[in-house]
Amino acid sequence: MNRELLMRKRFKGFTLLELLLAIVILAVITAMVYGAFSGTVSSAGRSRIALEELRLRAFLLRSFETNFTTVYVDPQQSQEVYRFLGVNSDGSEGPQDTVRFCSTAPLIGGVALPGDVKEVRYEVVDTGASAMRLQWDEKEADQDVSAVLQVTETPLLAGNVQGVDASTASFVVDPAYTSPNWTVPVRTLNFQYFDGTQWLDEWDSQSTGRLPWAVWIKVNFAKTEEQLAYEREKGFSTVDDPDFEMIIPIRGGLGGRTDVRVQTNPTGSGTSTSQSSSQSQTTTGQSRN
């Protein structure tokens, strides 16, 4: 009898209350661990996104500052190849402007001859037309980004430029040459040009005969639907509240207010001035004699 009681005590299981208590304790511990892990992952994700956006900002800052501070045009503003052309256009979500000009800055990401002038072009294109893309968020990489800012740099000599496209003022290069380009997912791209008095939406150096004093750049990056909903709720504007914004003075245009083509009139005003000076000297010499 004692042996039977001893065997029953040895193989006695847990009660239902003990099992429920153990399950509750396990659930509480699991919830605490999951909450801490989820918070860590979320913080890491936000940090990574902030880092990628900072990298994009640094890229745009370097590209805009390097190229716009080294704009090159011919002194007479007459050669189409050196034309500074800013075109205003709108997309479904806001401004999607385009600008092209020539720069003396070194070519980024490509091989160019020393002293070669390059064409720089900033434009918003469809994602399918882009050869390369900077992914600022792995989550966003799987989503459909409707537009990207494409930066294209084409050297004049190394690209074996054949001419200039009359419709876009862009270089017509050798078909065997591929211009280096980079793309950034964006919603809007807005350029404005200061003429010394006011900000203008477009600029054409062939029409004005000079460069703008400065350029005002506004960029809005691609966003998730959740981010867009938050911006709409807060009343953010793509024009007044851009994600990236900077104003860059243009050295060749600062202080200019007159058409340089008038000052260097190809009809021969310079020759007339020289001839008048020569005639004046001749008359003076005759009077002295």
C-alpha atoms as a PDB file:
ATOM      1  CA  MET A   1       0.000   0.000   0.000  1.00  0.00           C
ATOM      2  CA  ASN A   2       2.731   2.472   0.873  1.00  0.00           C
ATOM      3  CA  ARG A   3       4.541   1.619  -2.351  1.00  0.00           C
ATOM      4  CA  GLU A   4       1.353   2.293  -4.358  1.00  0.00           C
ATOM      5  CA  LEU A   5       0.839   5.714  -2.722  1.00  0.00           C
ATOM      6  CA  LEU A   6       4.458   6.577  -3.336  1.00  0.00           C
ATOM      7  CA  MET A   7       4.150   5.695  -7.023  1.00  0.00           C
ATOM      8  CA  ARG A   8       1.006   7.849  -7.372  1.00  0.00           C
ATOM      9  CA  LYS A   9       2.757  10.883  -5.828  1.00  0.00           C
ATOM     10  CA  ARG A  10       5.800  10.408  -8.087  1.00  0.00           C
ATOM     11  CA  PHE A  11       3.765  10.452 -11.332  1.00  0.00           C
ATOM     12  CA  LYS A  12       1.336  13.179 -10.312  1.00  0.00           C
ATOM     13  CA  GLY A  13       0.975  15.885 -13.126  1.00  0.00           C
ATOM     14  CA  PHE A  14       0.357  19.654 -13.099  1.00  0.00           C
ATOM     15  CA  THR A  15      -3.041  20.977 -12.271  1.00  0.00           C
ATOM     16  CA  LEU A  16      -5.017  23.095 -14.757  1.00  0.00           C
ATOM     17  CA  LEU A  17      -4.447  26.192 -12.656  1.00  0.00           C
ATOM     18  CA  GLU A  18      -0.695  25.669 -12.741  1.00  0.00           C
ATOM     19  CA  LEU A  19      -0.735  25.273 -16.530  1.00  0.00           C
ATOM     20  CA  LEU A  20      -2.782  28.446 -17.004  1.00  0.00           C
ATOM     21  CA  LEU A  21      -0.456  30.349 -14.716  1.00  0.00           C
ATOM     22  CA  ALA A  22       2.592  29.155 -16.656  1.00  0.00           C
ATOM     23  CA  ILE A  23       0.985  30.132 -19.978  1.00  0.00           C
ATOM     24  CA  VAL A  24       0.151  33.617 -18.682  1.00  0.00           C
ATOM     25  CA  ILE A  25       3.717  34.147 -17.456  1.00  0.00           C
ATOM     26  CA  LEU A  26       5.099  32.936 -20.815  1.00  0.00           C
ATOM     27  CA  ALA A  27       2.761  35.267 -22.720  1.00  0.00           C
ATOM     28  CA  VAL A  28       3.791  38.260 -20.621  1.00  0.00           C
ATOM     29  CA  ILE A  29       7.492  37.541 -21.126  1.00  0.00           C
ATOM     30  CA  THR A  30       6.975  37.038 -24.881  1.00  0.00           C
ATOM     31  CA  ALA A  31       5.079  40.319 -25.174  1.00  0.00           C
ATOM     32  CA  MET A  32       7.828  42.182 -23.345  1.00  0.00           C
ATOM     33  CA  VAL A  33      10.559  40.670 -25.530  1.00  0.00           C
ATOM     34  CA  TYR A  34       8.586  41.300 -28.749  1.00  0.00           C
ATOM     35  CA  GLY A  35       7.884  44.917 -27.772  1.00  0.00           C
ATOM     36  CA  ALA A  36      11.538  45.588 -27.074  1.00  0.00           C
ATOM     37  CA  PHE A  37      12.613  43.850 -30.300  1.00  0.00           C
ATOM     38  CA  SER A  38       9.965  45.627 -32.392  1.00  0.00           C
ATOM     39  CA  GLY A  39      10.994  48.995 -30.971  1.00  0.00           C
ATOM     40  CA  THR A  40      14.627  48.280 -31.774  1.00  0.00           C
ATOM     41  CA  VAL A  41      13.813  47.226 -35.355  1.00  0.00           C
ATOM     42  CA  SER A  42      11.575  50.269 -35.864  1.00  0.00           C
ATOM     43  CA  SER A  43      14.268  52.616 -34.547  1.00  0.00           C
ATOM     44  CA  ALA A  44      16.860  50.975 -36.772  1.00  0.00           C
ATOM     45  CA  GLY A  45      14.546  51.342 -39.778  1.00  0.00           C
ATOM     46  CA  ARG A  46      13.925  55.022 -39.092  1.00  0.00           C
ATOM     47  CA  SER A  47      17.650  55.583 -38.641  1.00  0.00           C
ATOM     48  CA  ARG A  48      18.401  53.832 -41.920  1.00  0.00           C
ATOM     49  CA  ILE A  49      15.781  55.864 -43.783  1.00  0.00           C
ATOM     50  CA  ALA A  50      17.109  59.093 -42.257  1.00  0.00           C
ATOM     51  CA  LEU A  51      20.635  58.087 -43.266  1.00  0.00           C
ATOM     52  CA  GLU A  52      19.587  57.352 -46.844  1.00  0.00           C
ATOM     53  CA  GLU A  53      17.736  60.657 -47.096  1.00  0.00           C
ATOM     54  CA  LEU A  54      20.793  62.443 -45.709  1.00  0.00           C
ATOM     55  CA  ARG A  55      22.910  60.731 -48.354  1.00  0.00           C
ATOM     56  CA  LEU A  56      20.546  61.928 -51.079  1.00  0.00           C
ATOM     57  CA  ARG A  57      20.615  65.458 -49.717  1.00  0.00           C
ATOM     58  CA  ALA A  58      24.424  65.408 -49.696  1.00  0.00           C
ATOM     59  CA  PHE A  59      24.474  64.151 -53.300  1.00  0.00           C
ATOM     60  CA  LEU A  60      22.065  66.839 -54.506  1.00  0.00           C
ATOM     61  CA  LEU A  61      23.869  69.559 -52.563  1.00  0.00           C
ATOM     62  CA  ARG A  62      27.219  68.588 -54.070  1.00  0.00           C
ATOM     63  CA  SER A  63      25.832  68.236 -57.585  1.00  0.00           C
ATOM     64  CA  PHE A  64      23.856  71.500 -57.609  1.00  0.00           C
ATOM     65  CA  GLU A  65      26.584  73.561 -55.964  1.00  0.00           C
ATOM     66  CA  THR A  66      29.405  72.172 -58.113  1.00  0.00           C
ATOM     67  CA  ASN A  67      27.603  72.619 -61.427  1.00  0.00           C
ATOM     68  CA  PHE A  68      25.696  75.884 -60.934  1.00  0.00           C
ATOM     69  CA  THR A  69      28.717  77.743 -59.518  1.00  0.00           C
ATOM     70  CA  THR A  70      30.751  76.843 -62.618  1.00  0.00           C
ATOM     71  CA  VAL A  71      28.253  77.743 -65.358  1.00  0.00           C
ATOM     72  CA  TYR A  72      29.986  78.609 -68.624  1.00  0.00           C
ATOM     73  CA  VAL A  73      28.655  80.699 -71.521  1.00  0.00           C
ATOM     74  CA  ASP A  74      30.424  82.348 -74.429  1.00  0.00           C
ATOM     75  CA  PRO A  75      31.043  86.087 -73.842  1.00  0.00           C
ATOM     76  CA  GLN A  76      28.716  87.113 -76.699  1.00  0.00           C
ATOM     77  CA  GLN A  77      25.877  84.783 -75.587  1.00  0.00           C
ATOM     78  CA  SER A  78      25.505  83.757 -79.207  1.00  0.00           C
ATOM     79  CA  GLN A  79      26.579  80.108 -79.410  1.00  0.00           C
ATOM     80  CA  GLU A  80      23.722  77.630 -79.069  1.00  0.00           C
ATOM     81  CA  VAL A  81      25.982  74.986 -77.597  1.00  0.00           C
ATOM     82  CA  TYR A  82      26.520  77.085 -74.424  1.00  0.00           C
ATOM     83  CA  ARG A  83      22.875  78.050 -74.007  1.00  0.00           C
ATOM     84  CA  PHE A  84      21.456  78.266 -70.452  1.00  0.00           C
ATOM     85  CA  LEU A  85      17.875  77.075 -70.768  1.00  0.00           C
ATOM     86  CA  GLY A  86      15.394  76.605 -67.918  1.00  0.00           C
ATOM     87  CA  VAL A  87      11.940  75.308 -68.866  1.00  0.00           C
ATOM     88  CA  ASN A  88       8.934  75.414 -66.559  1.00  0.00           C
ATOM     89  CA  SER A  89       6.556  72.431 -66.636  1.00  0.00           C
ATOM     90  CA  ASP A  90       4.059  70.753 -64.324  1.00  0.00           C
ATOM     91  CA  GLY A  91       3.305  67.135 -63.480  1.00  0.00           C
ATOM     92  CA  SER A  92       0.449  65.426 -61.690  1.00  0.00           C
ATOM     93  CA  GLU A  93       1.874  66.277 -58.248  1.00  0.00           C
ATOM     94  CA  GLY A  94       3.442  69.672 -58.923  1.00  0.00           C
ATOM     95  CA  PRO A  95       6.361  71.328 -60.739  1.00  0.00           C
ATOM     96  CA  GLN A  96       8.610  69.106 -62.842  1.00  0.00           C
ATOM     97  CA  ASP A  97      11.013  71.620 -64.384  1.00  0.00           C
ATOM     98  CA  THR A  98      14.021  71.074 -66.622  1.00  0.00           C
ATOM     99  CA  VAL A  99      17.279  73.003 -66.914  1.00  0.00           C
ATOM    100  CA  ARG A 100      20.368  72.539 -69.072  1.00  0.00           C
ATOM    101  CA  PHE A 101      23.618  74.500 -69.238  1.00  0.00           C
ATOM    102  CA  CYS A 102      27.351  74.051 -69.664  1.00  0.00           C
ATOM    103  CA  SER A 103      29.809  73.803 -66.786  1.00  0.00           C
ATOM    104  CA  THR A 104      33.567  73.800 -66.399  1.00  0.00           C
ATOM    105  CA  ALA A 105      33.431  71.485 -63.363  1.00  0.00           C
ATOM    106  CA  PRO A 106      35.053  68.036 -63.685  1.00  0.00           C
ATOM    107  CA  LEU A 107      32.853  65.221 -64.940  1.00  0.00           C
ATOM    108  CA  ILE A 108      31.412  63.134 -62.096  1.00  0.00           C
ATOM    109  CA  GLY A 109      31.546  59.391 -62.606  1.00  0.00           C
ATOM    110  CA  GLY A 110      33.073  59.487 -66.061  1.00  0.00           C
ATOM    111  CA  VAL A 111      36.239  60.154 -68.056  1.00  0.00           C
ATOM    112  CA  ALA A 112      36.763  63.576 -69.624  1.00  0.00           C
ATOM    113  CA  LEU A 113      39.669  65.435 -71.175  1.00  0.00           C
ATOM    114  CA  PRO A 114      41.408  68.143 -69.102  1.00  0.00           C
ATOM    115  CA  GLY A 115      39.676  71.495 -69.563  1.00  0.00           C
ATOM    116  CA  ASP A 116      36.710  69.921 -71.333  1.00  0.00           C
ATOM    117  CA  VAL A 117      33.335  71.649 -70.956  1.00  0.00           C
ATOM    118  CA  LYS A 118      30.369  69.473 -70.056  1.00  0.00           C
ATOM    119  CA  GLU A 119      26.637  69.810 -70.573  1.00  0.00           C
ATOM    120  CA  VAL A 120      24.611  69.383 -67.367  1.00  0.00           C
ATOM    121  CA  ARG A 121      20.947  68.494 -67.541  1.00  0.00           C
ATOM    122  CA  TYR A 122      18.471  68.202 -64.648  1.00  0.00           C
ATOM    123  CA  GLU A 123      15.066  66.810 -65.584  1.00  0.00           C
ATOM    124  CA  VAL A 124      12.210  64.688 -64.252  1.00  0.00           C
ATOM    125  CA  VAL A 125      11.663  61.502 -66.258  1.00  0.00           C
ATOM    126  CA  ASP A 126       9.623  58.322 -65.980  1.00  0.00           C
ATOM    127  CA  THR A 127      11.257  55.543 -63.974  1.00  0.00           C
ATOM    128  CA  GLY A 128      11.407  53.279 -67.008  1.00  0.00           C
ATOM    129  CA  ALA A 129      13.635  55.792 -68.827  1.00  0.00           C
ATOM    130  CA  SER A 130      16.293  55.787 -66.117  1.00  0.00           C
ATOM    131  CA  ALA A 131      19.481  53.770 -66.436  1.00  0.00           C
ATOM    132  CA  MET A 132      20.333  53.941 -62.740  1.00  0.00           C
ATOM    133  CA  ARG A 133      18.468  54.617 -59.517  1.00  0.00           C
ATOM    134  CA  LEU A 134      19.483  55.616 -56.017  1.00  0.00           C
ATOM    135  CA  GLN A 135      17.261  53.661 -53.630  1.00  0.00           C
ATOM    136  CA  TRP A 136      16.670  55.718 -50.510  1.00  0.00           C
ATOM    137  CA  ASP A 137      14.455  53.090 -48.856  1.00  0.00           C
ATOM    138  CA  GLU A 138      14.360  49.326 -49.443  1.00  0.00           C
ATOM    139  CA  LYS A 139      10.657  49.356 -48.630  1.00  0.00           C
ATOM    140  CA  GLU A 140      10.079  51.999 -51.279  1.00  0.00           C
ATOM    141  CA  ALA A 141      12.182  50.094 -53.823  1.00  0.00           C
ATOM    142  CA  ASP A 142       9.333  47.602 -54.312  1.00  0.00           C
ATOM    143  CA  GLN A 143       6.745  50.319 -54.837  1.00  0.00           C
ATOM    144  CA  ASP A 144       5.943  52.147 -58.041  1.00  0.00           C
ATOM    145  CA  VAL A 145       7.757  55.494 -58.107  1.00  0.00           C
ATOM    146  CA  SER A 146       6.205  57.449 -60.960  1.00  0.00           C
ATOM    147  CA  ALA A 147       9.062  59.903 -61.531  1.00  0.00           C
ATOM    148  CA  VAL A 148      12.750  60.412 -60.832  1.00  0.00           C
ATOM    149  CA  LEU A 149      15.132  63.337 -61.020  1.00  0.00           C
ATOM    150  CA  GLN A 150      17.741  62.431 -63.627  1.00  0.00           C
ATOM    151  CA  VAL A 151      21.109  64.189 -63.655  1.00  0.00           C
ATOM    152  CA  THR A 152      23.033  63.788 -66.916  1.00  0.00           C
ATOM    153  CA  GLU A 153      26.517  65.115 -67.651  1.00  0.00           C
ATOM    154  CA  THR A 154      27.924  65.018 -71.201  1.00  0.00           C
ATOM    155  CA  PRO A 155      31.456  66.227 -72.035  1.00  0.00           C
ATOM    156  CA  LEU A 156      31.797  68.327 -75.184  1.00  0.00           C
ATOM    157  CA  LEU A 157      35.013  66.778 -76.516  1.00  0.00           C
ATOM    158  CA  ALA A 158      35.029  63.321 -74.945  1.00  0.00           C
ATOM    159  CA  GLY A 159      31.423  62.814 -76.019  1.00  0.00           C
ATOM    160  CA  ASN A 160      32.323  63.667 -79.619  1.00  0.00           C
ATOM    161  CA  VAL A 161      29.374  66.062 -79.815  1.00  0.00           C
ATOM    162  CA  GLN A 162      27.945  66.274 -83.328  1.00  0.00           C
ATOM    163  CA  GLY A 163      25.627  69.227 -82.771  1.00  0.00           C
ATOM    164  CA  VAL A 164      22.782  70.607 -80.651  1.00  0.00           C
ATOM    165  CA  ASP A 165      19.170  69.445 -80.633  1.00  0.00           C
ATOM    166  CA  ALA A 166      17.063  72.460 -81.617  1.00  0.00           C
ATOM    167  CA  SER A 167      14.054  71.395 -79.523  1.00  0.00           C
ATOM    168  CA  THR A 168      15.842  70.610 -76.234  1.00  0.00           C
ATOM    169  CA  ALA A 169      19.179  72.464 -76.727  1.00  0.00           C
ATOM    170  CA  SER A 170      20.912  69.231 -75.642  1.00  0.00           C
ATOM    171  CA  PHE A 171      24.141  67.855 -77.077  1.00  0.00           C
ATOM    172  CA  VAL A 172      23.819  65.374 -79.937  1.00  0.00           C
ATOM    173  CA  VAL A 173      26.580  62.908 -79.060  1.00  0.00           C
ATOM    174  CA  ASP A 174      28.248  60.005 -80.765  1.00  0.00           C
ATOM    175  CA  PRO A 175      25.876  56.998 -80.575  1.00  0.00           C
ATOM    176  CA  ALA A 176      28.738  54.917 -79.184  1.00  0.00           C
ATOM    177  CA  TYR A 177      29.089  57.231 -76.176  1.00  0.00           C
ATOM    178  CA  THR A 178      26.899  56.872 -73.077  1.00  0.00           C
ATOM    179  CA  SER A 179      26.630  59.922 -70.847  1.00  0.00           C
ATOM    180  CA  PRO A 180      26.906  59.174 -67.111  1.00  0.00           C
ATOM    181  CA  ASN A 181      23.665  59.819 -65.246  1.00  0.00           C
ATOM    182  CA  TRP A 182      22.137  59.386 -61.789  1.00  0.00           C
ATOM    183  CA  THR A 183      18.525  59.316 -60.700  1.00  0.00           C
ATOM    184  CA  VAL A 184      16.759  60.120 -57.441  1.00  0.00           C
ATOM    185  CA  PRO A 185      13.091  59.222 -56.730  1.00  0.00           C
ATOM    186  CA  VAL A 186      11.197  62.517 -56.530  1.00  0.00           C
ATOM    187  CA  ARG A 187       7.687  63.905 -56.730  1.00  0.00           C
ATOM    188  CA  THR A 188       8.465  67.478 -57.751  1.00  0.00           C
ATOM    189  CA  LEU A 189      11.388  69.560 -59.037  1.00  0.00           C
ATOM    190  CA  ASN A 190      11.147  73.338 -59.176  1.00  0.00           C
ATOM    191  CA  PHE A 191      13.709  75.855 -60.489  1.00  0.00           C
ATOM    192  CA  GLN A 192      13.345  79.631 -60.272  1.00  0.00           C
ATOM    193  CA  TYR A 193      15.781  82.241 -61.592  1.00  0.00           C
ATOM    194  CA  PHE A 194      16.550  85.671 -60.125  1.00  0.00           C
ATOM    195  CA  ASP A 195      17.024  88.472 -62.655  1.00  0.00           C
ATOM    196  CA  GLY A 196      18.093  91.088 -60.102  1.00  0.00           C
ATOM    197  CA  THR A 197      14.534  92.195 -59.364  1.00  0.00           C
ATOM    198  CA  GLN A 198      12.248  89.192 -59.214  1.00  0.00           C
ATOM    199  CA  TRP A 199      12.165  85.387 -59.389  1.00  0.00           C
ATOM    200  CA  LEU A 200      11.203  83.974 -62.788  1.00  0.00           C
ATOM    201  CA  ASP A 201       9.958  80.476 -63.655  1.00  0.00           C
ATOM    202  CA  GLU A 202      11.940  80.212 -66.918  1.00  0.00           C
ATOM    203  CA  TRP A 203      15.217  81.459 -68.331  1.00  0.00           C
ATOM    204  CA  ASP A 204      16.811  81.470 -71.773  1.00  0.00           C
ATOM    205  CA  SER A 205      20.227  83.084 -72.139  1.00  0.00           C
ATOM    206  CA  GLN A 206      19.698  83.300 -75.898  1.00  0.00           C
ATOM    207  CA  SER A 207      16.714  85.599 -75.286  1.00  0.00           C
ATOM    208  CA  THR A 208      17.951  87.595 -72.281  1.00  0.00           C
ATOM    209  CA  GLY A 209      21.566  87.859 -73.386  1.00  0.00           C
ATOM    210  CA  ARG A 210      22.798  87.134 -69.865  1.00  0.00           C
ATOM    211  CA  LEU A 211      22.738  84.640 -67.006  1.00  0.00           C
ATOM    212  CA  PRO A 212      20.469  84.827 -63.955  1.00  0.00           C
ATOM    213  CA  TRP A 213      21.893  86.151 -60.705  1.00  0.00           C
ATOM    214  CA  ALA A 214      20.922  83.026 -58.795  1.00  0.00           C
ATOM    215  CA  VAL A 215      18.858  79.865 -59.000  1.00  0.00           C
ATOM    216  CA  TRP A 216      16.358  78.703 -56.365  1.00  0.00           C
ATOM    217  CA  ILE A 217      15.955  74.913 -56.211  1.00  0.00           C
ATOM    218  CA  LYS A 218      13.123  73.025 -54.509  1.00  0.00           C
ATOM    219  CA  VAL A 219      12.837  69.233 -54.459  1.00  0.00           C
ATOM    220  CA  ASN A 220      10.279  66.883 -52.925  1.00  0.00           C
ATOM    221  CA  PHE A 221      11.357  63.252 -52.560  1.00  0.00           C
ATOM    222  CA  ALA A 222       9.146  60.233 -53.229  1.00  0.00           C
ATOM    223  CA  LYS A 223       6.941  59.342 -50.231  1.00  0.00           C
ATOM    224  CA  THR A 224       4.832  56.460 -48.990  1.00  0.00           C
ATOM    225  CA  GLU A 225       1.041  56.762 -48.933  1.00  0.00           C
ATOM    226  CA  GLU A 226       1.193  57.081 -45.164  1.00  0.00           C
ATOM    227  CA  GLN A 227       3.643  59.974 -45.392  1.00  0.00           C
ATOM    228  CA  LEU A 228       1.571  61.676 -48.085  1.00  0.00           C
ATOM    229  CA  ALA A 229      -1.570  61.351 -45.968  1.00  0.00           C
ATOM    230  CA  TYR A 230       0.240  62.926 -43.019  1.00  0.00           C
ATOM    231  CA  GLU A 231       1.416  65.855 -45.183  1.00  0.00           C
ATOM    232  CA  ARG A 232      -2.092  66.406 -46.524  1.00  0.00           C
ATOM    233  CA  GLU A 233      -3.487  66.325 -42.996  1.00  0.00           C
ATOM    234  CA  LYS A 234      -0.954  68.964 -41.868  1.00  0.00           C
ATOM    235  CA  GLY A 235      -1.581  71.101 -44.955  1.00  0.00           C
ATOM    236  CA  PHE A 236       1.965  70.895 -46.334  1.00  0.00           C
ATOM    237  CA  SER A 237       2.559  72.372 -49.797  1.00  0.00           C
ATOM    238  CA  THR A 238       4.931  70.885 -52.377  1.00  0.00           C
ATOM    239  CA  VAL A 239       6.002  74.413 -53.366  1.00  0.00           C
ATOM    240  CA  ASP A 240       6.146  76.183 -49.995  1.00  0.00           C
ATOM    241  CA  ASP A 241       7.306  73.205 -47.876  1.00  0.00           C
ATOM    242  CA  PRO A 242       9.861  71.264 -49.965  1.00  0.00           C
ATOM    243  CA  ASP A 243      11.985  68.424 -48.598  1.00  0.00           C
ATOM    244  CA  PHE A 244      15.135  69.982 -50.102  1.00  0.00           C
ATOM    245  CA  GLU A 245      15.726  73.664 -50.810  1.00  0.00           C
ATOM    246  CA  MET A 246      18.713  75.847 -51.651  1.00  0.00           C
ATOM    247  CA  ILE A 247      19.635  79.102 -53.422  1.00  0.00           C
ATOM    248  CA  ILE A 248      22.871  79.207 -55.427  1.00  0.00           C
ATOM    249  CA  PRO A 249      24.439  82.419 -56.805  1.00  0.00           C
ATOM    250  CA  ILE A 250      25.687  82.161 -60.390  1.00  0.00           C
ATOM    251  CA  ARG A 251      29.030  83.910 -60.701  1.00  0.00           C
ATOM    252  CA  GLY A 252      28.715  84.817 -64.353  1.00  0.00           C
ATOM    253  CA  GLY A 253      25.336  86.426 -63.812  1.00  0.00           C
ATOM    254  CA  LEU A 254      25.687  88.293 -60.519  1.00  0.00           C
ATOM    255  CA  GLY A 255      25.169  92.027 -60.968  1.00  0.00           C
ATOM    256  CA  GLY A 256      24.306  91.787 -64.651  1.00  0.00           C
ATOM    257  CA  ARG A 257      21.295  93.770 -65.821  1.00  0.00           C
ATOM    258  CA  THR A 258      21.932  94.424 -69.515  1.00  0.00           C
ATOM    259  CA  ASP A 259      22.002  92.244 -72.606  1.00  0.00           C
ATOM    260  CA  VAL A 260      25.677  91.558 -73.337  1.00  0.00           C
ATOM    261  CA  ARG A 261      24.831  91.139 -77.014  1.00  0.00           C
ATOM    262  CA  VAL A 262      24.036  94.865 -77.153  1.00  0.00           C
ATOM    263  CA  GLN A 263      27.438  95.694 -75.652  1.00  0.00           C
ATOM    264  CA  THR A 264      29.192  93.423 -78.166  1.00  0.00           C
ATOM    265  CA  ASN A 265      26.980  94.118 -81.170  1.00  0.00           C
ATOM    266  CA  PRO A 266      28.112  91.924 -84.086  1.00  0.00           C
ATOM    267  CA  THR A 267      27.023  94.626 -86.590  1.00  0.00           C
ATOM    268  CA  GLY A 268      30.350  96.337 -86.099  1.00  0.00           C
ATOM    269  CA  SER A 269      29.795  98.810 -83.280  1.00  0.00           C
ATOM    270  CA  GLY A 270      33.190  97.851 -81.882  1.00  0.00           C
ATOM    271  CA  THR A 271      34.788  98.573 -85.256  1.00  0.00           C
ATOM    272  CA  SER A 272      32.989 101.885 -85.456  1.00  0.00           C
ATOM    273  CA  THR A 273      34.304 102.863 -82.058  1.00  0.00           C
ATOM    274  CA  SER A 274      37.814 101.931 -83.108  1.00  0.00           C
ATOM    275  CA  GLN A 275      37.459 103.859 -86.349  1.00  0.00           C
ATOM    276  CA  SER A 276      36.102 106.914 -84.489  1.00  0.00           C
ATOM    277  CA  SER A 277      39.052 106.795 -82.116  1.00  0.00           C
ATOM    278  CA  SER A 278      41.457 106.503 -85.025  1.00  0.00           C
ATOM    279  CA  GLN A 279      39.805 109.386 -86.852  1.00  0.00           C
ATOM    280  CA  SER A 280      39.929 111.482 -83.680  1.00  0.00           C
ATOM    281  CA  GLN A 281      43.632 110.807 -83.296  1.00  0.00           C
ATOM    282  CA  THR A 282      44.215 111.696 -86.964  1.00  0.00           C
ATOM    283  CA  THR A 283      42.299 114.946 -86.623  1.00  0.00           C
ATOM    284  CA  THR A 284      44.200 115.842 -83.488  1.00  0.00           C
ATOM    285  CA  GLY A 285      47.497 115.130 -85.235  1.00  0.00           C
ATOM    286  CA  GLN A 286      46.505 117.298 -88.189  1.00  0.00           C
ATOM    287  CA  SER A 287      45.492 120.178 -85.915  1.00  0.00           C
ATOM    288  CA  ARG A 288      48.833 119.954 -84.144  1.00  0.00           C
ATOM    289  CA  ASN A 289      50.610 120.114 -87.441  1.00  0.00           C
END
